[in-house]
């Protein structure tokens, strides 16, 4: 585990290149590698498949100099992801717009192997940018996450 934003720097740098009027000041960064997830997976008793996660990177930046009418777009983040790993095909899978907060979720896919390799999340608030990247066997991770929700759909229906 480390507290450097180094794994997120290619994304940060690409965002800065595309938006030269802003500055990003790192607030906090956390990186957790496969060793920690393998350890947690070995002591985990509910078959959560934590060992399928290769790494999780998270960085939070304060945004300075952004004009109110100059908003980040999905192209900003997609371009940044291509800078980080051009070998993957990046597809936006979720977009949420709320008053003062925007969220983008991208999937990084290896089309040659037909695998989902990375999920990247970007959260932009008025003056803060959060970058999160989860790397690993995303298909197995998603299967586990969705398995626990199976059968609970009726619990959330109205009426």
N, C-alpha and C. Protein backbone atom coordinates (compact mmCIF):
# COMPACT_ATOMS: atom_id res chain seq x y z
N UNK A 1 0.85 -1.17 0.00
CA UNK A 1 0.00 0.00 0.00
C UNK A 1 0.90 1.23 0.00
N UNK A 2 0.49 2.23 -0.77
CA UNK A 2 1.24 3.48 -0.78
C UNK A 2 0.28 4.66 -0.83
N UNK A 3 0.84 5.85 -0.63
CA UNK A 3 0.03 7.06 -0.61
C UNK A 3 0.47 8.03 -1.70
N UNK A 4 1.03 7.51 -2.77
CA UNK A 4 1.46 8.31 -3.91
C UNK A 4 0.37 8.32 -4.97
N UNK A 5 0.32 9.39 -5.74
CA UNK A 5 -0.63 9.43 -6.86
C UNK A 5 0.02 8.99 -8.16
N UNK A 6 1.19 8.38 -8.08
CA UNK A 6 1.95 8.00 -9.28
C UNK A 6 1.12 7.18 -10.29
N UNK A 7 0.34 6.16 -9.88
CA UNK A 7 -0.44 5.41 -10.87
C UNK A 7 -1.49 6.25 -11.58
N UNK A 8 -1.92 7.34 -10.97
CA UNK A 8 -2.94 8.20 -11.57
C UNK A 8 -2.35 9.39 -12.33
N UNK A 9 -1.05 9.57 -12.25
CA UNK A 9 -0.42 10.73 -12.90
C UNK A 9 -0.64 10.80 -14.40
N UNK A 10 -0.59 9.69 -15.15
CA UNK A 10 -0.87 9.83 -16.59
C UNK A 10 -2.26 10.40 -16.85
N UNK A 11 -3.22 10.01 -16.05
CA UNK A 11 -4.58 10.55 -16.20
C UNK A 11 -4.59 12.01 -15.79
N UNK A 12 -4.00 12.32 -14.64
CA UNK A 12 -3.92 13.71 -14.17
C UNK A 12 -3.23 14.59 -15.22
N UNK A 13 -2.10 14.13 -15.74
CA UNK A 13 -1.35 14.91 -16.72
C UNK A 13 -2.13 15.14 -18.00
N UNK A 14 -2.85 14.11 -18.45
CA UNK A 14 -3.66 14.25 -19.67
C UNK A 14 -4.79 15.25 -19.44
N UNK A 15 -5.39 15.22 -18.27
CA UNK A 15 -6.46 16.18 -17.94
C UNK A 15 -5.89 17.60 -17.95
N UNK A 16 -4.69 17.77 -17.37
CA UNK A 16 -4.06 19.10 -17.35
C UNK A 16 -3.70 19.57 -18.74
N UNK A 17 -3.24 18.66 -19.61
CA UNK A 17 -2.91 19.04 -20.99
C UNK A 17 -4.16 19.49 -21.74
N UNK A 18 -5.28 18.84 -21.48
CA UNK A 18 -6.53 19.19 -22.15
C UNK A 18 -7.20 20.42 -21.56
N UNK A 19 -6.80 20.78 -20.34
CA UNK A 19 -7.40 21.92 -19.63
C UNK A 19 -6.29 22.77 -19.02
N UNK A 20 -5.51 23.47 -19.84
CA UNK A 20 -4.33 24.18 -19.33
C UNK A 20 -4.65 25.33 -18.37
N UNK A 21 -5.91 25.74 -18.30
CA UNK A 21 -6.26 26.85 -17.40
C UNK A 21 -6.41 26.41 -15.95
N UNK A 22 -6.45 25.10 -15.70
CA UNK A 22 -6.65 24.64 -14.33
C UNK A 22 -5.35 24.11 -13.72
N UNK A 23 -5.35 24.00 -12.41
CA UNK A 23 -4.28 23.30 -11.69
C UNK A 23 -4.96 22.28 -10.78
N UNK A 24 -4.28 21.15 -10.59
CA UNK A 24 -4.77 20.10 -9.71
C UNK A 24 -3.77 19.92 -8.58
N UNK A 25 -4.22 20.08 -7.35
CA UNK A 25 -3.36 19.91 -6.20
C UNK A 25 -3.81 18.65 -5.45
N UNK A 26 -2.88 17.71 -5.31
CA UNK A 26 -3.22 16.43 -4.68
C UNK A 26 -3.61 16.65 -3.23
N UNK A 27 -4.76 16.06 -2.86
CA UNK A 27 -5.20 16.07 -1.48
C UNK A 27 -4.77 14.78 -0.80
N UNK A 28 -5.18 13.66 -1.37
CA UNK A 28 -4.84 12.35 -0.82
C UNK A 28 -4.79 11.34 -1.95
N UNK A 29 -3.98 10.33 -1.79
CA UNK A 29 -3.92 9.23 -2.76
C UNK A 29 -3.65 7.94 -1.99
N UNK A 30 -4.27 6.87 -2.44
CA UNK A 30 -4.07 5.56 -1.82
C UNK A 30 -4.00 4.54 -2.94
N UNK A 31 -3.02 3.64 -2.83
CA UNK A 31 -2.86 2.55 -3.78
C UNK A 31 -2.76 1.25 -3.01
N UNK A 32 -3.58 0.30 -3.38
CA UNK A 32 -3.55 -1.01 -2.74
C UNK A 32 -3.27 -2.03 -3.84
N UNK A 33 -2.23 -2.82 -3.64
CA UNK A 33 -1.80 -3.78 -4.64
C UNK A 33 -2.34 -5.18 -4.41
N UNK A 34 -1.99 -6.07 -5.34
CA UNK A 34 -2.48 -7.45 -5.33
C UNK A 34 -2.09 -8.20 -4.06
N UNK A 35 -0.90 -7.91 -3.52
CA UNK A 35 -0.46 -8.61 -2.31
C UNK A 35 -1.44 -8.44 -1.17
N UNK A 36 -1.93 -7.23 -0.98
CA UNK A 36 -2.91 -6.97 0.10
C UNK A 36 -4.21 -7.70 -0.19
N UNK A 37 -4.67 -7.69 -1.46
CA UNK A 37 -5.92 -8.37 -1.78
C UNK A 37 -5.77 -9.89 -1.69
N UNK A 38 -4.61 -10.42 -2.04
CA UNK A 38 -4.37 -11.85 -1.89
C UNK A 38 -4.42 -12.24 -0.41
N UNK A 39 -3.80 -11.41 0.43
CA UNK A 39 -3.83 -11.66 1.87
C UNK A 39 -5.26 -11.63 2.40
N UNK A 40 -6.00 -10.59 2.03
CA UNK A 40 -7.38 -10.48 2.50
C UNK A 40 -8.24 -11.62 1.96
N UNK A 41 -7.97 -12.02 0.72
CA UNK A 41 -8.70 -13.14 0.13
C UNK A 41 -8.42 -14.44 0.86
N UNK A 42 -7.19 -14.61 1.35
CA UNK A 42 -6.82 -15.84 2.05
C UNK A 42 -7.50 -15.94 3.41
N UNK A 43 -7.75 -14.82 4.06
CA UNK A 43 -8.38 -14.87 5.39
C UNK A 43 -9.88 -14.61 5.34
N UNK A 44 -10.40 -14.35 4.15
CA UNK A 44 -11.81 -14.06 3.97
C UNK A 44 -12.60 -15.37 3.94
N UNK A 45 -13.71 -15.43 4.66
CA UNK A 45 -14.46 -16.68 4.76
C UNK A 45 -15.75 -16.67 3.95
N UNK A 46 -16.06 -15.61 3.25
CA UNK A 46 -17.32 -15.60 2.50
C UNK A 46 -17.13 -15.66 0.99
N UNK A 47 -16.00 -16.17 0.54
CA UNK A 47 -15.73 -16.37 -0.89
C UNK A 47 -15.89 -15.09 -1.71
N UNK A 48 -15.37 -14.00 -1.22
CA UNK A 48 -15.56 -12.72 -1.89
C UNK A 48 -14.63 -12.50 -3.07
N UNK A 49 -13.69 -13.40 -3.31
CA UNK A 49 -12.79 -13.31 -4.47
C UNK A 49 -11.98 -12.03 -4.49
N UNK A 50 -11.56 -11.54 -3.33
CA UNK A 50 -10.74 -10.35 -3.30
C UNK A 50 -9.43 -10.55 -4.03
N UNK A 51 -8.96 -11.80 -4.11
CA UNK A 51 -7.70 -12.07 -4.80
C UNK A 51 -7.81 -11.84 -6.31
N UNK A 52 -9.02 -11.63 -6.83
CA UNK A 52 -9.20 -11.32 -8.25
C UNK A 52 -8.87 -9.87 -8.55
N UNK A 53 -8.74 -9.04 -7.51
CA UNK A 53 -8.39 -7.63 -7.70
C UNK A 53 -6.87 -7.51 -7.75
N UNK A 54 -6.36 -6.91 -8.81
CA UNK A 54 -4.92 -6.70 -8.94
C UNK A 54 -4.49 -5.44 -8.21
N UNK A 55 -5.30 -4.38 -8.32
CA UNK A 55 -4.95 -3.13 -7.65
C UNK A 55 -6.14 -2.19 -7.63
N UNK A 56 -6.10 -1.30 -6.66
CA UNK A 56 -7.06 -0.20 -6.58
C UNK A 56 -6.25 1.06 -6.36
N UNK A 57 -6.48 2.06 -7.21
CA UNK A 57 -5.79 3.35 -7.09
C UNK A 57 -6.86 4.42 -6.90
N UNK A 58 -6.60 5.34 -5.98
CA UNK A 58 -7.53 6.43 -5.74
C UNK A 58 -6.73 7.69 -5.47
N UNK A 59 -7.14 8.77 -6.09
CA UNK A 59 -6.50 10.07 -5.84
C UNK A 59 -7.58 11.14 -5.82
N UNK A 60 -7.41 12.09 -4.90
CA UNK A 60 -8.32 13.22 -4.78
C UNK A 60 -7.51 14.48 -4.99
N UNK A 61 -7.99 15.35 -5.89
CA UNK A 61 -7.31 16.60 -6.21
C UNK A 61 -8.24 17.77 -5.99
N UNK A 62 -7.70 18.86 -5.47
CA UNK A 62 -8.41 20.13 -5.46
C UNK A 62 -8.21 20.76 -6.83
N UNK A 63 -9.28 21.28 -7.40
CA UNK A 63 -9.23 21.90 -8.72
C UNK A 63 -9.23 23.41 -8.54
N UNK A 64 -8.23 24.07 -9.13
CA UNK A 64 -8.13 25.53 -9.07
C UNK A 64 -8.13 26.09 -10.48
N UNK A 65 -8.80 27.21 -10.66
CA UNK A 65 -8.77 27.91 -11.95
C UNK A 65 -9.80 27.48 -12.95
N UNK A 66 -10.71 26.58 -12.56
CA UNK A 66 -11.73 26.15 -13.51
C UNK A 66 -12.83 27.19 -13.59
N UNK A 67 -13.12 27.62 -14.81
CA UNK A 67 -14.20 28.58 -15.02
C UNK A 67 -15.53 27.85 -14.94
N UNK A 68 -16.55 28.55 -14.50
CA UNK A 68 -17.87 27.95 -14.29
C UNK A 68 -18.44 27.36 -15.58
N UNK A 69 -18.17 28.01 -16.72
CA UNK A 69 -18.72 27.52 -17.98
C UNK A 69 -17.84 26.48 -18.66
N UNK A 70 -16.68 26.17 -18.09
CA UNK A 70 -15.77 25.19 -18.66
C UNK A 70 -15.87 23.90 -17.86
N UNK A 71 -16.73 23.01 -18.28
CA UNK A 71 -16.96 21.76 -17.56
C UNK A 71 -16.16 20.63 -18.22
N UNK A 72 -15.76 19.67 -17.41
CA UNK A 72 -15.12 18.47 -17.94
C UNK A 72 -16.17 17.67 -18.71
N UNK A 73 -15.72 16.96 -19.72
CA UNK A 73 -16.60 16.13 -20.52
C UNK A 73 -16.11 14.70 -20.49
N UNK A 74 -16.93 13.80 -21.01
CA UNK A 74 -16.50 12.40 -21.08
C UNK A 74 -15.28 12.26 -21.98
N UNK A 75 -15.15 13.13 -23.00
CA UNK A 75 -13.99 13.09 -23.88
C UNK A 75 -12.71 13.44 -23.12
N UNK A 76 -12.82 14.33 -22.14
CA UNK A 76 -11.66 14.67 -21.31
C UNK A 76 -11.12 13.42 -20.65
N UNK A 77 -12.00 12.65 -20.03
CA UNK A 77 -11.57 11.47 -19.30
C UNK A 77 -11.21 10.32 -20.22
N UNK A 78 -11.97 10.17 -21.31
CA UNK A 78 -11.65 9.10 -22.25
C UNK A 78 -10.27 9.33 -22.86
N UNK A 79 -9.96 10.57 -23.21
CA UNK A 79 -8.63 10.90 -23.72
C UNK A 79 -7.55 10.63 -22.70
N UNK A 80 -7.83 10.95 -21.44
CA UNK A 80 -6.86 10.70 -20.37
C UNK A 80 -6.63 9.21 -20.18
N UNK A 81 -7.69 8.42 -20.27
CA UNK A 81 -7.55 6.97 -20.12
C UNK A 81 -6.75 6.37 -21.27
N UNK A 82 -6.95 6.89 -22.47
CA UNK A 82 -6.16 6.42 -23.62
C UNK A 82 -4.68 6.74 -23.43
N UNK A 83 -4.40 7.90 -22.80
CA UNK A 83 -3.01 8.24 -22.51
C UNK A 83 -2.41 7.24 -21.52
N UNK A 84 -3.21 6.81 -20.56
CA UNK A 84 -2.73 5.87 -19.54
C UNK A 84 -2.54 4.47 -20.12
N UNK A 85 -3.50 3.99 -20.92
CA UNK A 85 -3.40 2.64 -21.47
C UNK A 85 -4.13 2.59 -22.81
N UNK A 86 -3.39 2.84 -23.88
CA UNK A 86 -3.97 2.85 -25.22
C UNK A 86 -4.24 1.44 -25.75
N UNK A 87 -3.76 0.41 -25.05
CA UNK A 87 -4.00 -0.96 -25.50
C UNK A 87 -5.42 -1.41 -25.22
N UNK A 88 -6.13 -0.67 -24.37
CA UNK A 88 -7.50 -1.03 -24.03
C UNK A 88 -8.49 -0.17 -24.79
N UNK A 89 -9.65 -0.74 -25.02
CA UNK A 89 -10.77 0.02 -25.60
C UNK A 89 -11.57 0.57 -24.42
N UNK A 90 -11.73 1.88 -24.36
CA UNK A 90 -12.41 2.53 -23.23
C UNK A 90 -13.82 2.91 -23.64
N UNK A 91 -14.78 2.50 -22.83
CA UNK A 91 -16.18 2.76 -23.10
C UNK A 91 -16.82 3.37 -21.86
N UNK A 92 -17.54 4.48 -22.05
CA UNK A 92 -18.27 5.06 -20.93
C UNK A 92 -19.49 4.19 -20.66
N UNK A 93 -19.64 3.73 -19.41
CA UNK A 93 -20.77 2.85 -19.09
C UNK A 93 -21.79 3.51 -18.16
N UNK A 94 -21.38 4.56 -17.45
CA UNK A 94 -22.31 5.28 -16.57
C UNK A 94 -21.97 6.77 -16.63
N UNK A 95 -23.02 7.59 -16.61
CA UNK A 95 -22.86 9.04 -16.53
C UNK A 95 -23.95 9.57 -15.63
N UNK A 96 -23.58 10.26 -14.57
CA UNK A 96 -24.55 10.83 -13.64
C UNK A 96 -24.28 12.33 -13.55
N UNK A 97 -25.33 13.10 -13.72
CA UNK A 97 -25.23 14.56 -13.55
C UNK A 97 -26.16 14.96 -12.42
N UNK A 98 -25.59 15.62 -11.47
CA UNK A 98 -26.37 16.11 -10.34
C UNK A 98 -25.91 17.55 -10.10
N UNK A 99 -26.69 18.30 -9.38
CA UNK A 99 -26.34 19.69 -9.12
C UNK A 99 -24.99 19.77 -8.40
N UNK A 100 -23.98 20.26 -9.09
CA UNK A 100 -22.67 20.43 -8.49
C UNK A 100 -21.79 19.21 -8.50
N UNK A 101 -22.29 18.08 -9.01
CA UNK A 101 -21.49 16.85 -9.02
C UNK A 101 -21.75 16.07 -10.30
N UNK A 102 -20.68 15.59 -10.89
CA UNK A 102 -20.78 14.78 -12.09
C UNK A 102 -19.95 13.52 -11.90
N UNK A 103 -20.47 12.39 -12.38
CA UNK A 103 -19.79 11.11 -12.25
C UNK A 103 -19.73 10.45 -13.62
N UNK A 104 -18.54 9.93 -13.94
CA UNK A 104 -18.33 9.14 -15.15
C UNK A 104 -17.72 7.82 -14.73
N UNK A 105 -18.20 6.72 -15.31
CA UNK A 105 -17.60 5.41 -15.10
C UNK A 105 -17.24 4.85 -16.47
N UNK A 106 -15.98 4.44 -16.60
CA UNK A 106 -15.48 3.87 -17.85
C UNK A 106 -15.01 2.45 -17.62
N UNK A 107 -15.22 1.61 -18.64
CA UNK A 107 -14.72 0.24 -18.63
C UNK A 107 -13.57 0.15 -19.63
N UNK A 108 -12.46 -0.40 -19.19
CA UNK A 108 -11.32 -0.64 -20.07
C UNK A 108 -11.32 -2.10 -20.49
N UNK A 109 -11.51 -2.34 -21.78
CA UNK A 109 -11.66 -3.70 -22.29
C UNK A 109 -10.51 -4.08 -23.22
N UNK A 110 -10.05 -5.30 -23.07
CA UNK A 110 -9.09 -5.88 -24.00
C UNK A 110 -9.91 -6.63 -25.05
N UNK A 111 -10.08 -6.01 -26.21
CA UNK A 111 -10.95 -6.59 -27.23
C UNK A 111 -10.38 -7.88 -27.81
N UNK A 112 -9.06 -8.01 -27.88
CA UNK A 112 -8.45 -9.22 -28.43
C UNK A 112 -8.74 -10.43 -27.55
N UNK A 113 -8.75 -10.22 -26.24
CA UNK A 113 -9.01 -11.33 -25.31
C UNK A 113 -10.46 -11.35 -24.82
N UNK A 114 -11.23 -10.35 -25.23
CA UNK A 114 -12.63 -10.23 -24.83
C UNK A 114 -12.77 -10.22 -23.31
N UNK A 115 -11.96 -9.37 -22.66
CA UNK A 115 -11.99 -9.28 -21.20
C UNK A 115 -12.17 -7.84 -20.75
N UNK A 116 -12.76 -7.71 -19.59
CA UNK A 116 -12.92 -6.43 -18.93
C UNK A 116 -11.79 -6.31 -17.92
N UNK A 117 -10.88 -5.36 -18.13
CA UNK A 117 -9.64 -5.29 -17.35
C UNK A 117 -9.66 -4.24 -16.23
N UNK A 118 -10.30 -3.10 -16.51
CA UNK A 118 -10.25 -1.97 -15.57
C UNK A 118 -11.60 -1.27 -15.53
N UNK A 119 -11.99 -0.87 -14.34
CA UNK A 119 -13.11 0.05 -14.17
C UNK A 119 -12.52 1.34 -13.59
N UNK A 120 -12.78 2.46 -14.25
CA UNK A 120 -12.30 3.75 -13.79
C UNK A 120 -13.48 4.67 -13.50
N UNK A 121 -13.42 5.33 -12.37
CA UNK A 121 -14.50 6.22 -11.93
C UNK A 121 -13.91 7.62 -11.76
N UNK A 122 -14.63 8.61 -12.27
CA UNK A 122 -14.24 10.01 -12.12
C UNK A 122 -15.41 10.75 -11.49
N UNK A 123 -15.14 11.46 -10.42
CA UNK A 123 -16.17 12.27 -9.77
C UNK A 123 -15.66 13.70 -9.74
N UNK A 124 -16.42 14.59 -10.36
CA UNK A 124 -16.04 16.00 -10.41
C UNK A 124 -17.08 16.80 -9.65
N UNK A 125 -16.65 17.40 -8.54
CA UNK A 125 -17.50 18.32 -7.81
C UNK A 125 -17.04 19.72 -8.14
N UNK A 126 -17.59 20.69 -7.52
CA UNK A 126 -17.27 22.08 -7.86
C UNK A 126 -15.76 22.36 -7.86
N UNK A 127 -15.09 21.91 -6.83
CA UNK A 127 -13.65 22.21 -6.75
C UNK A 127 -12.82 20.99 -6.39
N UNK A 128 -13.35 19.80 -6.68
CA UNK A 128 -12.63 18.57 -6.31
C UNK A 128 -12.82 17.51 -7.39
N UNK A 129 -11.74 16.82 -7.69
CA UNK A 129 -11.75 15.75 -8.67
C UNK A 129 -11.28 14.47 -7.97
N UNK A 130 -12.08 13.42 -8.06
CA UNK A 130 -11.72 12.12 -7.48
C UNK A 130 -11.53 11.13 -8.63
N UNK A 131 -10.39 10.46 -8.63
CA UNK A 131 -10.08 9.44 -9.63
C UNK A 131 -9.95 8.09 -8.92
N UNK A 132 -10.64 7.08 -9.43
CA UNK A 132 -10.57 5.73 -8.86
C UNK A 132 -10.39 4.75 -10.00
N UNK A 133 -9.48 3.81 -9.82
CA UNK A 133 -9.25 2.78 -10.83
C UNK A 133 -9.15 1.43 -10.14
N UNK A 134 -9.97 0.48 -10.59
CA UNK A 134 -9.94 -0.89 -10.07
C UNK A 134 -9.48 -1.79 -11.20
N UNK A 135 -8.36 -2.50 -10.98
CA UNK A 135 -7.79 -3.38 -12.00
C UNK A 135 -7.86 -4.82 -11.52
N UNK A 136 -8.13 -5.71 -12.44
CA UNK A 136 -8.15 -7.13 -12.09
C UNK A 136 -9.10 -7.89 -12.98
N UNK A 137 -9.53 -9.05 -12.52
CA UNK A 137 -10.49 -9.85 -13.26
C UNK A 137 -11.88 -9.31 -12.94
N UNK A 138 -12.23 -8.25 -13.65
CA UNK A 138 -13.46 -7.52 -13.36
C UNK A 138 -14.69 -8.40 -13.54
N UNK A 139 -14.65 -9.31 -14.50
CA UNK A 139 -15.79 -10.20 -14.73
C UNK A 139 -16.09 -11.02 -13.48
N UNK A 140 -15.06 -11.59 -12.85
CA UNK A 140 -15.26 -12.37 -11.63
C UNK A 140 -15.70 -11.48 -10.47
N UNK A 141 -15.12 -10.29 -10.40
CA UNK A 141 -15.51 -9.36 -9.32
C UNK A 141 -16.97 -8.98 -9.47
N UNK A 142 -17.39 -8.67 -10.70
CA UNK A 142 -18.79 -8.29 -10.95
C UNK A 142 -19.73 -9.46 -10.67
N UNK A 143 -19.32 -10.66 -11.06
CA UNK A 143 -20.15 -11.84 -10.81
C UNK A 143 -20.39 -11.98 -9.31
N UNK A 144 -19.34 -11.79 -8.51
CA UNK A 144 -19.50 -11.87 -7.06
C UNK A 144 -20.41 -10.76 -6.55
N UNK A 145 -20.19 -9.54 -7.02
CA UNK A 145 -20.98 -8.41 -6.55
C UNK A 145 -22.46 -8.57 -6.90
N UNK A 146 -22.72 -9.07 -8.09
CA UNK A 146 -24.12 -9.23 -8.51
C UNK A 146 -24.77 -10.45 -7.88
N UNK A 147 -23.98 -11.47 -7.55
CA UNK A 147 -24.52 -12.68 -6.92
C UNK A 147 -25.18 -12.33 -5.59
N UNK A 148 -24.58 -11.44 -4.83
CA UNK A 148 -25.17 -11.09 -3.53
C UNK A 148 -26.46 -10.29 -3.70
N UNK A 149 -26.66 -9.66 -4.84
CA UNK A 149 -27.88 -8.89 -5.08
C UNK A 149 -28.96 -9.75 -5.72
N UNK A 150 -28.61 -10.93 -6.21
CA UNK A 150 -29.57 -11.81 -6.88
C UNK A 150 -30.72 -12.16 -5.93
N UNK A 151 -31.93 -12.01 -6.41
CA UNK A 151 -33.09 -12.35 -5.61
C UNK A 151 -33.61 -11.23 -4.75
N UNK A 152 -32.90 -10.12 -4.71
CA UNK A 152 -33.35 -9.00 -3.88
C UNK A 152 -34.02 -7.92 -4.69
N UNK A 153 -34.23 -8.14 -5.97
CA UNK A 153 -34.82 -7.12 -6.84
C UNK A 153 -36.18 -6.69 -6.34
N UNK A 154 -37.00 -7.65 -5.93
CA UNK A 154 -38.35 -7.31 -5.47
C UNK A 154 -38.32 -6.47 -4.21
N UNK A 155 -37.26 -6.52 -3.45
CA UNK A 155 -37.18 -5.74 -2.22
C UNK A 155 -37.13 -4.24 -2.49
N UNK A 156 -36.69 -3.85 -3.67
CA UNK A 156 -36.52 -2.42 -3.95
C UNK A 156 -37.64 -1.86 -4.82
N UNK A 157 -38.61 -2.68 -5.19
CA UNK A 157 -39.71 -2.19 -6.02
C UNK A 157 -40.69 -1.39 -5.17
N UNK A 158 -41.21 -0.35 -5.79
CA UNK A 158 -42.24 0.45 -5.11
C UNK A 158 -43.59 -0.25 -5.26
N UNK A 159 -44.45 -0.12 -4.26
CA UNK A 159 -45.81 -0.60 -4.34
C UNK A 159 -45.90 -2.00 -3.92
